[in-house]
Amino acid sequence: MLTIKISSLDALPAAAEQVRAAIQGHSIVCFEGEMGAGKTTFIKALCRSLGVQEEVSSPTFSLVNEYRTGQDQPVYHFDFYRLNHPREAEGIGALEYFDSGYLCLIEWPSRIEALLPPDRLLLTLTVTGPSSRELRIEN
C-alpha cells in the first residue's frame, strides 16, 4: 500500500506522476472517495501526466469517455455513479473495455463490483482539509 499526501491543487501534478509510476503494468484502476473528494480532478491530472491533450471531464451521463495518451494509446474513463445495476455497465460493453488491456480509470467501481476483474488497483481519495487530500493505493 502506498499513501500520497496532496496538500493542495498545486500538488496534483507531482501526485499524478507518482500514481502514473505506481499504475505501470495495471490496466484497471478504480477510484473511490466520497462525492466531492476529487476523483475526477485527480483523473484530469493523471491524464495530463499521460500526455492526454483533449479535455478530460466526468462521463457522468455518457458513462465512458475515451482519451488518447501522448503515445496515441486509448484511456477509458468511466463514471458509474448513476448506475442502478451492473447490467447497465454490461450494456455499454464495459467488459470489453476491461478486457482490452488499455488503461481503464473507473469512478464509483463499487457500483459494478461483480464485473471487475480481480487484478486491479484501488485508489481511495480522502478529504483531509479544504483543498488537501490523502490518496491511498492498494492492490
C-alpha atoms as a PDB file:
ATOM      1  CA  MET A   1       0.000   0.000   0.000  1.00  0.00           C
ATOM      2  CA  LEU A   2       1.196   3.498  -0.883  1.00  0.00           C
ATOM      3  CA  THR A   3      -0.165   6.716   0.632  1.00  0.00           C
ATOM      4  CA  ILE A   4       0.341  10.069  -1.067  1.00  0.00           C
ATOM      5  CA  LYS A   5      -0.409  13.351   0.715  1.00  0.00           C
ATOM      6  CA  ILE A   6      -1.808  16.034  -1.601  1.00  0.00           C
ATOM      7  CA  SER A   7      -1.537  19.388   0.168  1.00  0.00           C
ATOM      8  CA  SER A   8      -3.312  21.495  -2.482  1.00  0.00           C
ATOM      9  CA  LEU A   9      -4.356  21.629  -6.123  1.00  0.00           C
ATOM     10  CA  ASP A  10      -0.811  22.793  -6.916  1.00  0.00           C
ATOM     11  CA  ALA A  11       0.463  19.420  -5.649  1.00  0.00           C
ATOM     12  CA  LEU A  12      -1.691  17.435  -8.096  1.00  0.00           C
ATOM     13  CA  PRO A  13       0.843  17.175 -10.955  1.00  0.00           C
ATOM     14  CA  ALA A  14       3.517  15.691  -8.662  1.00  0.00           C
ATOM     15  CA  ALA A  15       0.987  13.280  -7.112  1.00  0.00           C
ATOM     16  CA  ALA A  16      -0.210  12.287 -10.586  1.00  0.00           C
ATOM     17  CA  GLU A  17       3.373  11.469 -11.590  1.00  0.00           C
ATOM     18  CA  GLN A  18       3.713   9.214  -8.519  1.00  0.00           C
ATOM     19  CA  VAL A  19       0.466   7.455  -9.382  1.00  0.00           C
ATOM     20  CA  ARG A  20       1.486   7.125 -13.025  1.00  0.00           C
ATOM     21  CA  ALA A  21       4.578   5.216 -11.876  1.00  0.00           C
ATOM     22  CA  ALA A  22       2.540   3.101  -9.426  1.00  0.00           C
ATOM     23  CA  ILE A  23      -0.037   2.003 -12.018  1.00  0.00           C
ATOM     24  CA  GLN A  24       2.518   0.707 -14.515  1.00  0.00           C
ATOM     25  CA  GLY A  25       1.514  -2.816 -15.511  1.00  0.00           C
ATOM     26  CA  HIS A  26      -2.108  -2.347 -14.429  1.00  0.00           C
ATOM     27  CA  SER A  27      -4.963  -1.649 -16.805  1.00  0.00           C
ATOM     28  CA  ILE A  28      -7.858  -1.432 -14.305  1.00  0.00           C
ATOM     29  CA  VAL A  29      -7.564   1.455 -11.848  1.00  0.00           C
ATOM     30  CA  CYS A  30     -10.523   2.102  -9.556  1.00  0.00           C
ATOM     31  CA  PHE A  31     -11.167   5.411  -7.784  1.00  0.00           C
ATOM     32  CA  GLU A  32     -13.220   5.544  -4.602  1.00  0.00           C
ATOM     33  CA  GLY A  33     -13.986   8.503  -2.395  1.00  0.00           C
ATOM     34  CA  GLU A  34     -16.948  10.461  -1.196  1.00  0.00           C
ATOM     35  CA  MET A  35     -18.754  12.858  -3.523  1.00  0.00           C
ATOM     36  CA  GLY A  36     -16.519  15.892  -3.933  1.00  0.00           C
ATOM     37  CA  ALA A  37     -13.335  14.118  -2.853  1.00  0.00           C
ATOM     38  CA  GLY A  38     -11.692  14.985  -6.159  1.00  0.00           C
ATOM     39  CA  LYS A  39     -11.788  11.748  -8.166  1.00  0.00           C
ATOM     40  CA  THR A  40     -12.409  13.475 -11.499  1.00  0.00           C
ATOM     41  CA  THR A  41      -9.979  16.280 -10.675  1.00  0.00           C
ATOM     42  CA  PHE A  42      -7.276  13.732  -9.918  1.00  0.00           C
ATOM     43  CA  ILE A  43      -8.050  11.769 -13.093  1.00  0.00           C
ATOM     44  CA  LYS A  44      -7.623  15.010 -15.076  1.00  0.00           C
ATOM     45  CA  ALA A  45      -4.144  15.451 -13.568  1.00  0.00           C
ATOM     46  CA  LEU A  46      -3.266  11.801 -14.207  1.00  0.00           C
ATOM     47  CA  CYS A  47      -4.392  12.051 -17.824  1.00  0.00           C
ATOM     48  CA  ARG A  48      -2.285  15.191 -18.293  1.00  0.00           C
ATOM     49  CA  SER A  49       0.733  13.264 -16.975  1.00  0.00           C
ATOM     50  CA  LEU A  50      -0.017  10.564 -19.571  1.00  0.00           C
ATOM     51  CA  GLY A  51       0.064  13.170 -22.346  1.00  0.00           C
ATOM     52  CA  VAL A  52      -3.689  13.439 -22.928  1.00  0.00           C
ATOM     53  CA  GLN A  53      -4.311  16.681 -24.814  1.00  0.00           C
ATOM     54  CA  GLU A  54      -8.107  16.739 -25.054  1.00  0.00           C
ATOM     55  CA  GLU A  55     -10.472  17.983 -22.347  1.00  0.00           C
ATOM     56  CA  VAL A  56     -10.918  15.440 -19.552  1.00  0.00           C
ATOM     57  CA  SER A  57     -14.361  15.585 -17.978  1.00  0.00           C
ATOM     58  CA  SER A  58     -16.594  13.357 -15.917  1.00  0.00           C
ATOM     59  CA  PRO A  59     -18.542  10.840 -18.007  1.00  0.00           C
ATOM     60  CA  THR A  60     -21.438  11.033 -15.527  1.00  0.00           C
ATOM     61  CA  PHE A  61     -24.122  10.783 -18.217  1.00  0.00           C
ATOM     62  CA  SER A  62     -22.241   9.078 -21.056  1.00  0.00           C
ATOM     63  CA  LEU A  63     -20.714   6.553 -18.571  1.00  0.00           C
ATOM     64  CA  VAL A  64     -17.454   6.380 -20.538  1.00  0.00           C
ATOM     65  CA  ASN A  65     -15.116   8.877 -22.212  1.00  0.00           C
ATOM     66  CA  GLU A  66     -12.159   7.932 -24.362  1.00  0.00           C
ATOM     67  CA  TYR A  67      -8.947   9.927 -24.445  1.00  0.00           C
ATOM     68  CA  ARG A  68      -5.597   9.387 -26.184  1.00  0.00           C
ATOM     69  CA  THR A  69      -2.226   9.409 -24.445  1.00  0.00           C
ATOM     70  CA  GLY A  70       0.874  11.065 -25.851  1.00  0.00           C
ATOM     71  CA  GLN A  71       1.707   7.619 -27.339  1.00  0.00           C
ATOM     72  CA  ASP A  72      -1.735   7.518 -29.040  1.00  0.00           C
ATOM     73  CA  GLN A  73      -2.982   4.762 -26.716  1.00  0.00           C
ATOM     74  CA  PRO A  74      -6.606   4.870 -25.570  1.00  0.00           C
ATOM     75  CA  VAL A  75      -7.537   5.646 -21.972  1.00  0.00           C
ATOM     76  CA  TYR A  76     -11.092   4.844 -20.922  1.00  0.00           C
ATOM     77  CA  HIS A  77     -12.638   6.933 -18.136  1.00  0.00           C
ATOM     78  CA  PHE A  78     -15.792   5.540 -16.514  1.00  0.00           C
ATOM     79  CA  ASP A  79     -18.204   7.059 -14.009  1.00  0.00           C
ATOM     80  CA  PHE A  80     -20.705   4.523 -12.683  1.00  0.00           C
ATOM     81  CA  TYR A  81     -22.297   6.765 -10.049  1.00  0.00           C
ATOM     82  CA  ARG A  82     -25.695   6.851 -11.760  1.00  0.00           C
ATOM     83  CA  LEU A  83     -25.970   3.106 -12.357  1.00  0.00           C
ATOM     84  CA  ASN A  84     -28.668   1.150 -10.585  1.00  0.00           C
ATOM     85  CA  HIS A  85     -27.408  -2.285 -11.621  1.00  0.00           C
ATOM     86  CA  PRO A  86     -24.177  -3.741 -13.087  1.00  0.00           C
ATOM     87  CA  ARG A  87     -26.189  -4.880 -16.144  1.00  0.00           C
ATOM     88  CA  GLU A  88     -26.230  -1.248 -17.247  1.00  0.00           C
ATOM     89  CA  ALA A  89     -22.416  -1.305 -17.432  1.00  0.00           C
ATOM     90  CA  GLU A  90     -22.553  -4.547 -19.386  1.00  0.00           C
ATOM     91  CA  GLY A  91     -24.929  -2.806 -21.799  1.00  0.00           C
ATOM     92  CA  ILE A  92     -22.253  -0.258 -22.768  1.00  0.00           C
ATOM     93  CA  GLY A  93     -19.674  -3.009 -23.276  1.00  0.00           C
ATOM     94  CA  ALA A  94     -17.754  -2.429 -20.039  1.00  0.00           C
ATOM     95  CA  LEU A  95     -16.377  -5.980 -20.022  1.00  0.00           C
ATOM     96  CA  GLU A  96     -14.878  -5.488 -23.481  1.00  0.00           C
ATOM     97  CA  TYR A  97     -13.214  -2.277 -22.330  1.00  0.00           C
ATOM     98  CA  PHE A  98     -11.868  -4.043 -19.217  1.00  0.00           C
ATOM     99  CA  ASP A  99     -10.522  -6.917 -21.343  1.00  0.00           C
ATOM    100  CA  SER A 100      -8.899  -4.569 -23.885  1.00  0.00           C
ATOM    101  CA  GLY A 101      -5.644  -4.264 -21.949  1.00  0.00           C
ATOM    102  CA  TYR A 102      -5.847  -0.482 -22.225  1.00  0.00           C
ATOM    103  CA  LEU A 103      -5.985   1.768 -19.184  1.00  0.00           C
ATOM    104  CA  CYS A 104      -9.451   1.950 -17.620  1.00  0.00           C
ATOM    105  CA  LEU A 105      -9.958   4.621 -14.952  1.00  0.00           C
ATOM    106  CA  ILE A 106     -13.134   3.824 -13.031  1.00  0.00           C
ATOM    107  CA  GLU A 107     -15.029   6.160 -10.702  1.00  0.00           C
ATOM    108  CA  TRP A 108     -17.550   4.532  -8.331  1.00  0.00           C
ATOM    109  CA  PRO A 109     -16.341   0.952  -9.006  1.00  0.00           C
ATOM    110  CA  SER A 110     -18.392  -0.407  -6.096  1.00  0.00           C
ATOM    111  CA  ARG A 111     -21.490   0.031  -8.300  1.00  0.00           C
ATOM    112  CA  ILE A 112     -20.189  -2.673 -10.648  1.00  0.00           C
ATOM    113  CA  GLU A 113     -18.060  -4.743  -8.243  1.00  0.00           C
ATOM    114  CA  ALA A 114     -19.296  -8.054  -9.704  1.00  0.00           C
ATOM    115  CA  LEU A 115     -17.961  -7.130 -13.161  1.00  0.00           C
ATOM    116  CA  LEU A 116     -14.475  -6.054 -12.133  1.00  0.00           C
ATOM    117  CA  PRO A 117     -11.530  -8.372 -12.719  1.00  0.00           C
ATOM    118  CA  PRO A 118      -9.565  -9.362  -9.610  1.00  0.00           C
ATOM    119  CA  ASP A 119      -6.351  -7.817 -10.973  1.00  0.00           C
ATOM    120  CA  ARG A 120      -6.970  -4.140 -10.335  1.00  0.00           C
ATOM    121  CA  LEU A 121      -5.688  -1.243  -8.287  1.00  0.00           C
ATOM    122  CA  LEU A 122      -7.851   0.672  -5.851  1.00  0.00           C
ATOM    123  CA  LEU A 123      -7.126   4.351  -5.271  1.00  0.00           C
ATOM    124  CA  THR A 124      -9.056   5.920  -2.418  1.00  0.00           C
ATOM    125  CA  LEU A 125      -9.201   9.695  -2.063  1.00  0.00           C
ATOM    126  CA  THR A 126      -9.948  11.039   1.397  1.00  0.00           C
ATOM    127  CA  VAL A 127     -10.663  14.691   2.151  1.00  0.00           C
ATOM    128  CA  THR A 128      -8.226  15.940   4.809  1.00  0.00           C
ATOM    129  CA  GLY A 129      -8.872  19.695   4.510  1.00  0.00           C
ATOM    130  CA  PRO A 130     -10.467  22.336   2.278  1.00  0.00           C
ATOM    131  CA  SER A 131      -8.021  21.634  -0.566  1.00  0.00           C
ATOM    132  CA  SER A 132      -5.928  18.769   0.804  1.00  0.00           C
ATOM    133  CA  ARG A 133      -6.412  15.072   0.186  1.00  0.00           C
ATOM    134  CA  GLU A 134      -4.855  11.746   1.036  1.00  0.00           C
ATOM    135  CA  LEU A 135      -4.589   9.191  -1.755  1.00  0.00           C
ATOM    136  CA  ARG A 136      -4.174   5.528  -0.816  1.00  0.00           C
ATOM    137  CA  ILE A 137      -3.196   2.963  -3.466  1.00  0.00           C
ATOM    138  CA  GLU A 138      -3.915  -0.724  -2.804  1.00  0.00           C
ATOM    139  CA  ASN A 139      -3.799  -3.917  -4.869  1.00  0.00           C
END
